[in-house]
Amino acid sequence: MPSAPKWLLDTVDKWMTKLPPLTVVEAQHLSPSVKRIGLAGDLSPYAFQVGTFFDLRVNDTEARRYTVASVNADGSRLYLLPHLHGDGPGSRFMAALSVGDELVLHKPRNDQCYDDPHAER
């Protein structure tokens, strides 16, 4: 995953479109290596759906990409299911998240969303 000098990620953060801060409202371990993270905030301007992905800076020199696993019915909360594997920066970041933490995500991208073969067309 992306690693870059701090000055470069600072520049990208300054110029990339970001969402308003989202609050962690759920942080539950489903197994030792999978955690369910629920995020809530003003998501109304964005069309989050399963498969939407975004980039998140996890420390000064590392960024990781995460995919939306589910969205509640009114679109006000989204869920991630990060895999906690080893001692990498993304795993450490996600393992440490707890209820009440705030995250600032880059604008979501929908160009590789899940295509449900059973959905009505």
Protein backbone atom coordinates (compact mmCIF):
# COMPACT_ATOMS: atom_id res chain seq x y z
CA MET A 1 0.00 0.00 0.00
CA PRO A 2 1.08 3.60 -0.46
CA SER A 3 4.05 4.84 1.48
CA ALA A 4 5.44 8.28 0.81
CA PRO A 5 7.45 11.01 2.49
CA LYS A 6 5.48 13.02 5.04
CA TRP A 7 5.77 16.22 2.99
CA LEU A 8 4.16 14.50 -0.01
CA LEU A 9 1.23 13.07 1.96
CA ASP A 10 0.78 16.46 3.65
CA THR A 11 0.50 18.06 0.20
CA VAL A 12 -1.95 15.43 -1.04
CA ASP A 13 -4.05 15.88 2.12
CA LYS A 14 -4.13 19.62 1.58
CA TRP A 15 -5.39 19.41 -2.01
CA MET A 16 -7.58 16.28 -2.01
CA THR A 17 -11.29 16.58 -1.31
CA LYS A 18 -12.16 15.18 2.08
CA LEU A 19 -15.39 14.34 3.87
CA PRO A 20 -16.43 16.13 7.05
CA PRO A 21 -15.15 14.21 10.09
CA LEU A 22 -16.89 10.89 10.73
CA THR A 23 -17.25 9.46 14.22
CA VAL A 24 -16.60 5.84 15.12
CA VAL A 25 -19.90 4.66 16.62
CA GLU A 26 -19.11 0.96 16.64
CA ALA A 27 -15.83 -0.92 17.03
CA GLN A 28 -16.39 -4.61 17.54
CA HIS A 29 -14.05 -7.55 17.01
CA LEU A 30 -15.87 -10.26 15.06
CA SER A 31 -12.82 -12.51 15.35
CA PRO A 32 -9.18 -11.98 16.32
CA SER A 33 -8.44 -10.85 12.75
CA VAL A 34 -11.66 -9.06 11.69
CA LYS A 35 -13.12 -5.93 13.22
CA ARG A 36 -16.42 -4.21 12.39
CA ILE A 37 -16.09 -0.42 12.35
CA GLY A 38 -19.24 1.73 12.15
CA LEU A 39 -18.82 5.36 11.06
CA ALA A 40 -21.49 8.05 11.32
CA GLY A 41 -21.64 11.65 10.18
CA ASP A 42 -23.03 13.84 7.42
CA LEU A 43 -22.93 11.39 4.54
CA SER A 44 -25.92 12.84 2.67
CA PRO A 45 -23.90 14.48 -0.15
CA TYR A 46 -22.26 11.16 -1.01
CA ALA A 47 -23.68 8.03 -2.57
CA PHE A 48 -21.97 5.37 -0.50
CA GLN A 49 -22.71 1.83 -1.52
CA VAL A 50 -21.11 -1.54 -0.98
CA GLY A 51 -17.79 -1.50 -2.79
CA THR A 52 -17.23 2.25 -2.56
CA PHE A 53 -13.65 2.81 -1.48
CA PHE A 54 -11.66 5.66 0.01
CA ASP A 55 -8.14 6.38 1.13
CA LEU A 56 -7.25 7.00 4.74
CA ARG A 57 -3.97 8.24 6.11
CA VAL A 58 -3.01 5.92 8.95
CA ASN A 59 0.19 7.69 10.04
CA ASP A 60 2.61 10.36 8.83
CA THR A 61 4.00 8.32 5.95
CA GLU A 62 1.38 5.64 5.18
CA ALA A 63 -2.07 5.63 3.59
CA ARG A 64 -4.41 2.70 3.16
CA ARG A 65 -7.47 2.02 1.03
CA TYR A 66 -10.64 0.69 2.66
CA THR A 67 -13.86 -0.58 1.10
CA VAL A 68 -17.37 0.01 2.44
CA ALA A 69 -18.83 -3.34 3.54
CA SER A 70 -22.39 -2.07 4.21
CA VAL A 71 -24.48 1.07 4.58
CA ASN A 72 -27.57 1.40 6.75
CA ALA A 73 -30.97 1.99 5.12
CA ASP A 74 -31.02 5.79 5.45
CA GLY A 75 -27.37 6.17 4.41
CA SER A 76 -26.29 7.88 7.64
CA ARG A 77 -23.88 5.18 8.76
CA LEU A 78 -21.36 3.04 6.94
CA TYR A 79 -19.46 -0.04 8.02
CA LEU A 80 -15.99 -1.36 7.34
CA LEU A 81 -14.69 -4.87 7.97
CA PRO A 82 -10.92 -4.42 8.10
CA HIS A 83 -8.70 -7.48 8.26
CA LEU A 84 -6.21 -7.11 11.10
CA HIS A 85 -3.18 -8.98 9.86
CA GLY A 86 0.20 -8.72 11.45
CA ASP A 87 1.80 -5.57 12.72
CA GLY A 88 1.46 -3.34 9.65
CA PRO A 89 0.48 0.33 9.94
CA GLY A 90 -3.07 -0.20 8.63
CA SER A 91 -3.69 -3.11 10.99
CA ARG A 92 -2.33 -1.19 13.97
CA PHE A 93 -4.46 1.85 13.07
CA MET A 94 -7.69 -0.15 12.69
CA ALA A 95 -7.02 -2.27 15.78
CA ALA A 96 -6.62 0.90 17.87
CA LEU A 97 -9.86 2.56 16.69
CA SER A 98 -12.51 2.85 19.37
CA VAL A 99 -15.94 4.42 19.79
CA GLY A 100 -15.73 8.20 19.82
CA ASP A 101 -12.65 8.49 17.58
CA GLU A 102 -12.97 10.81 14.58
CA LEU A 103 -11.71 10.06 11.09
CA VAL A 104 -11.27 12.31 8.09
CA LEU A 105 -11.61 10.31 4.87
CA HIS A 106 -10.74 11.31 1.35
CA LYS A 107 -13.69 11.63 -1.02
CA PRO A 108 -15.09 8.18 -1.81
CA ARG A 109 -14.77 6.61 -5.23
CA ASN A 110 -17.39 4.34 -6.77
CA ASP A 111 -15.64 3.14 -9.91
CA GLN A 112 -15.27 -0.46 -8.71
CA CYS A 113 -18.45 -1.06 -6.74
CA TYR A 114 -19.93 -4.46 -6.08
CA ASP A 115 -22.37 -5.50 -8.79
CA ASP A 116 -25.09 -7.61 -7.15
CA PRO A 117 -26.14 -10.20 -9.73
CA HIS A 118 -29.45 -10.67 -7.87
CA ALA A 119 -30.44 -6.99 -7.78
CA GLU A 120 -33.50 -5.91 -9.73
CA ARG A 121 -32.61 -3.97 -12.85
